[in-house]
């Protein structure tokens, strides 16, 4: 899986892109800065799956979801979450 190719293919242009970091387990961590939210996703490139986690630091509300990164509906769900957490909806 080419992460940048899939991101360009499925991620809307008007949604902020994450910061990407390699993990010690050989995966990729994606993080967004959307105060008061701290959304992140640990990405398993081989399995094409992501573990979404978001925490609202003001309310302690958490959102978690396992995502199939080959499924456009999961990309759309993630983009919508980022819009909501960024105050765009």
C-alpha atoms as a PDB file:
ATOM      1  CA  UNK A   1       0.000   0.000   0.000  1.00  0.00           C
ATOM      2  CA  UNK A   2       1.354   3.386  -0.969  1.00  0.00           C
ATOM      3  CA  UNK A   3       0.017   5.674   1.727  1.00  0.00           C
ATOM      4  CA  UNK A   4       0.396   8.906  -0.222  1.00  0.00           C
ATOM      5  CA  UNK A   5      -1.274   7.388  -3.293  1.00  0.00           C
ATOM      6  CA  UNK A   6      -4.252   6.159  -1.249  1.00  0.00           C
ATOM      7  CA  UNK A   7      -4.485   9.463   0.622  1.00  0.00           C
ATOM      8  CA  UNK A   8      -4.635  11.424  -2.628  1.00  0.00           C
ATOM      9  CA  UNK A   9      -7.148   8.971  -4.058  1.00  0.00           C
ATOM     10  CA  UNK A  10      -9.587   8.880  -1.132  1.00  0.00           C
ATOM     11  CA  UNK A  11      -8.992  11.976   1.012  1.00  0.00           C
ATOM     12  CA  UNK A  12     -10.855  15.183   0.090  1.00  0.00           C
ATOM     13  CA  UNK A  13      -8.683  18.207  -0.737  1.00  0.00           C
ATOM     14  CA  UNK A  14     -10.438  20.378   1.858  1.00  0.00           C
ATOM     15  CA  UNK A  15      -9.564  18.144   4.839  1.00  0.00           C
ATOM     16  CA  UNK A  16      -6.292  18.755   6.723  1.00  0.00           C
ATOM     17  CA  UNK A  17      -3.654  16.093   6.199  1.00  0.00           C
ATOM     18  CA  UNK A  18      -2.043  14.425   9.215  1.00  0.00           C
ATOM     19  CA  UNK A  19       1.506  14.470  10.441  1.00  0.00           C
ATOM     20  CA  UNK A  20       3.013  11.020   9.783  1.00  0.00           C
ATOM     21  CA  UNK A  21       5.524   9.214  11.995  1.00  0.00           C
ATOM     22  CA  UNK A  22       7.049   5.728  11.784  1.00  0.00           C
ATOM     23  CA  UNK A  23       6.457   3.474  14.801  1.00  0.00           C
ATOM     24  CA  UNK A  24       8.908   1.037  16.370  1.00  0.00           C
ATOM     25  CA  UNK A  25       6.553  -1.789  15.283  1.00  0.00           C
ATOM     26  CA  UNK A  26       7.025  -0.895  11.593  1.00  0.00           C
ATOM     27  CA  UNK A  27       3.697   0.849  11.226  1.00  0.00           C
ATOM     28  CA  UNK A  28       2.808   4.495  10.616  1.00  0.00           C
ATOM     29  CA  UNK A  29       1.177   6.852  13.108  1.00  0.00           C
ATOM     30  CA  UNK A  30      -0.979   9.631  11.667  1.00  0.00           C
ATOM     31  CA  UNK A  31      -1.810  12.568  13.959  1.00  0.00           C
ATOM     32  CA  UNK A  32      -3.913  15.694  13.483  1.00  0.00           C
ATOM     33  CA  UNK A  33      -3.846  18.866  15.572  1.00  0.00           C
ATOM     34  CA  UNK A  34      -7.520  19.850  15.978  1.00  0.00           C
ATOM     35  CA  UNK A  35      -7.886  21.322  19.465  1.00  0.00           C
ATOM     36  CA  UNK A  36      -9.551  20.329  21.704  1.00  0.00           C
ATOM     37  CA  UNK A  37      -9.418  17.004  19.858  1.00  0.00           C
ATOM     38  CA  UNK A  38      -6.348  14.808  19.394  1.00  0.00           C
ATOM     39  CA  UNK A  39      -7.235  12.379  16.606  1.00  0.00           C
ATOM     40  CA  UNK A  40      -4.711   9.779  15.532  1.00  0.00           C
ATOM     41  CA  UNK A  41      -4.588   6.546  13.600  1.00  0.00           C
ATOM     42  CA  UNK A  42      -2.087   3.718  13.728  1.00  0.00           C
ATOM     43  CA  UNK A  43      -1.765   2.356  10.205  1.00  0.00           C
ATOM     44  CA  UNK A  44      -0.765  -1.183   9.317  1.00  0.00           C
ATOM     45  CA  UNK A  45       0.451  -0.766   5.739  1.00  0.00           C
ATOM     46  CA  UNK A  46       0.637  -4.491   4.991  1.00  0.00           C
ATOM     47  CA  UNK A  47      -2.913  -5.195   6.197  1.00  0.00           C
ATOM     48  CA  UNK A  48      -4.248  -1.866   4.835  1.00  0.00           C
ATOM     49  CA  UNK A  49      -6.002  -1.227   8.137  1.00  0.00           C
ATOM     50  CA  UNK A  50      -6.068   1.649  10.569  1.00  0.00           C
ATOM     51  CA  UNK A  51      -6.931   1.952  14.253  1.00  0.00           C
ATOM     52  CA  UNK A  52      -8.589   5.354  14.746  1.00  0.00           C
ATOM     53  CA  UNK A  53      -8.535   7.010  18.153  1.00  0.00           C
ATOM     54  CA  UNK A  54      -9.614  10.536  19.043  1.00  0.00           C
ATOM     55  CA  UNK A  55      -9.764  12.167  22.460  1.00  0.00           C
ATOM     56  CA  UNK A  56     -11.467  15.455  23.320  1.00  0.00           C
ATOM     57  CA  UNK A  57      -9.270  16.991  26.047  1.00  0.00           C
ATOM     58  CA  UNK A  58     -12.092  19.248  27.265  1.00  0.00           C
ATOM     59  CA  UNK A  59     -14.765  16.563  27.737  1.00  0.00           C
ATOM     60  CA  UNK A  60     -12.783  13.265  27.817  1.00  0.00           C
ATOM     61  CA  UNK A  61     -15.026  12.003  24.988  1.00  0.00           C
ATOM     62  CA  UNK A  62     -13.333   9.254  22.973  1.00  0.00           C
ATOM     63  CA  UNK A  63     -13.994   7.969  19.476  1.00  0.00           C
ATOM     64  CA  UNK A  64     -12.427   4.706  18.312  1.00  0.00           C
ATOM     65  CA  UNK A  65     -12.902   2.691  15.150  1.00  0.00           C
ATOM     66  CA  UNK A  66     -11.063   0.084  13.092  1.00  0.00           C
ATOM     67  CA  UNK A  67     -10.834   1.224   9.478  1.00  0.00           C
ATOM     68  CA  UNK A  68     -10.369  -0.687   6.244  1.00  0.00           C
ATOM     69  CA  UNK A  69      -8.124   1.578   4.189  1.00  0.00           C
ATOM     70  CA  UNK A  70      -9.214  -0.058   0.943  1.00  0.00           C
ATOM     71  CA  UNK A  71     -12.823   0.994   1.587  1.00  0.00           C
ATOM     72  CA  UNK A  72     -13.876   4.451   0.387  1.00  0.00           C
ATOM     73  CA  UNK A  73     -16.645   4.542   3.010  1.00  0.00           C
ATOM     74  CA  UNK A  74     -14.085   4.278   5.807  1.00  0.00           C
ATOM     75  CA  UNK A  75     -12.037   7.106   4.256  1.00  0.00           C
ATOM     76  CA  UNK A  76     -15.218   9.195   4.029  1.00  0.00           C
ATOM     77  CA  UNK A  77     -16.020   8.457   7.679  1.00  0.00           C
ATOM     78  CA  UNK A  78     -12.533   9.556   8.727  1.00  0.00           C
ATOM     79  CA  UNK A  79     -12.713  12.751   6.648  1.00  0.00           C
ATOM     80  CA  UNK A  80     -16.087  13.586   8.222  1.00  0.00           C
ATOM     81  CA  UNK A  81     -14.676  13.031  11.719  1.00  0.00           C
ATOM     82  CA  UNK A  82     -11.788  15.388  10.970  1.00  0.00           C
ATOM     83  CA  UNK A  83     -14.191  18.032   9.661  1.00  0.00           C
ATOM     84  CA  UNK A  84     -16.366  17.738  12.774  1.00  0.00           C
ATOM     85  CA  UNK A  85     -13.423  17.769  15.161  1.00  0.00           C
ATOM     86  CA  UNK A  86     -11.933  20.740  13.344  1.00  0.00           C
ATOM     87  CA  UNK A  87     -15.186  22.673  13.745  1.00  0.00           C
ATOM     88  CA  UNK A  88     -16.018  22.723  10.029  1.00  0.00           C
ATOM     89  CA  UNK A  89     -19.432  21.054  10.333  1.00  0.00           C
END
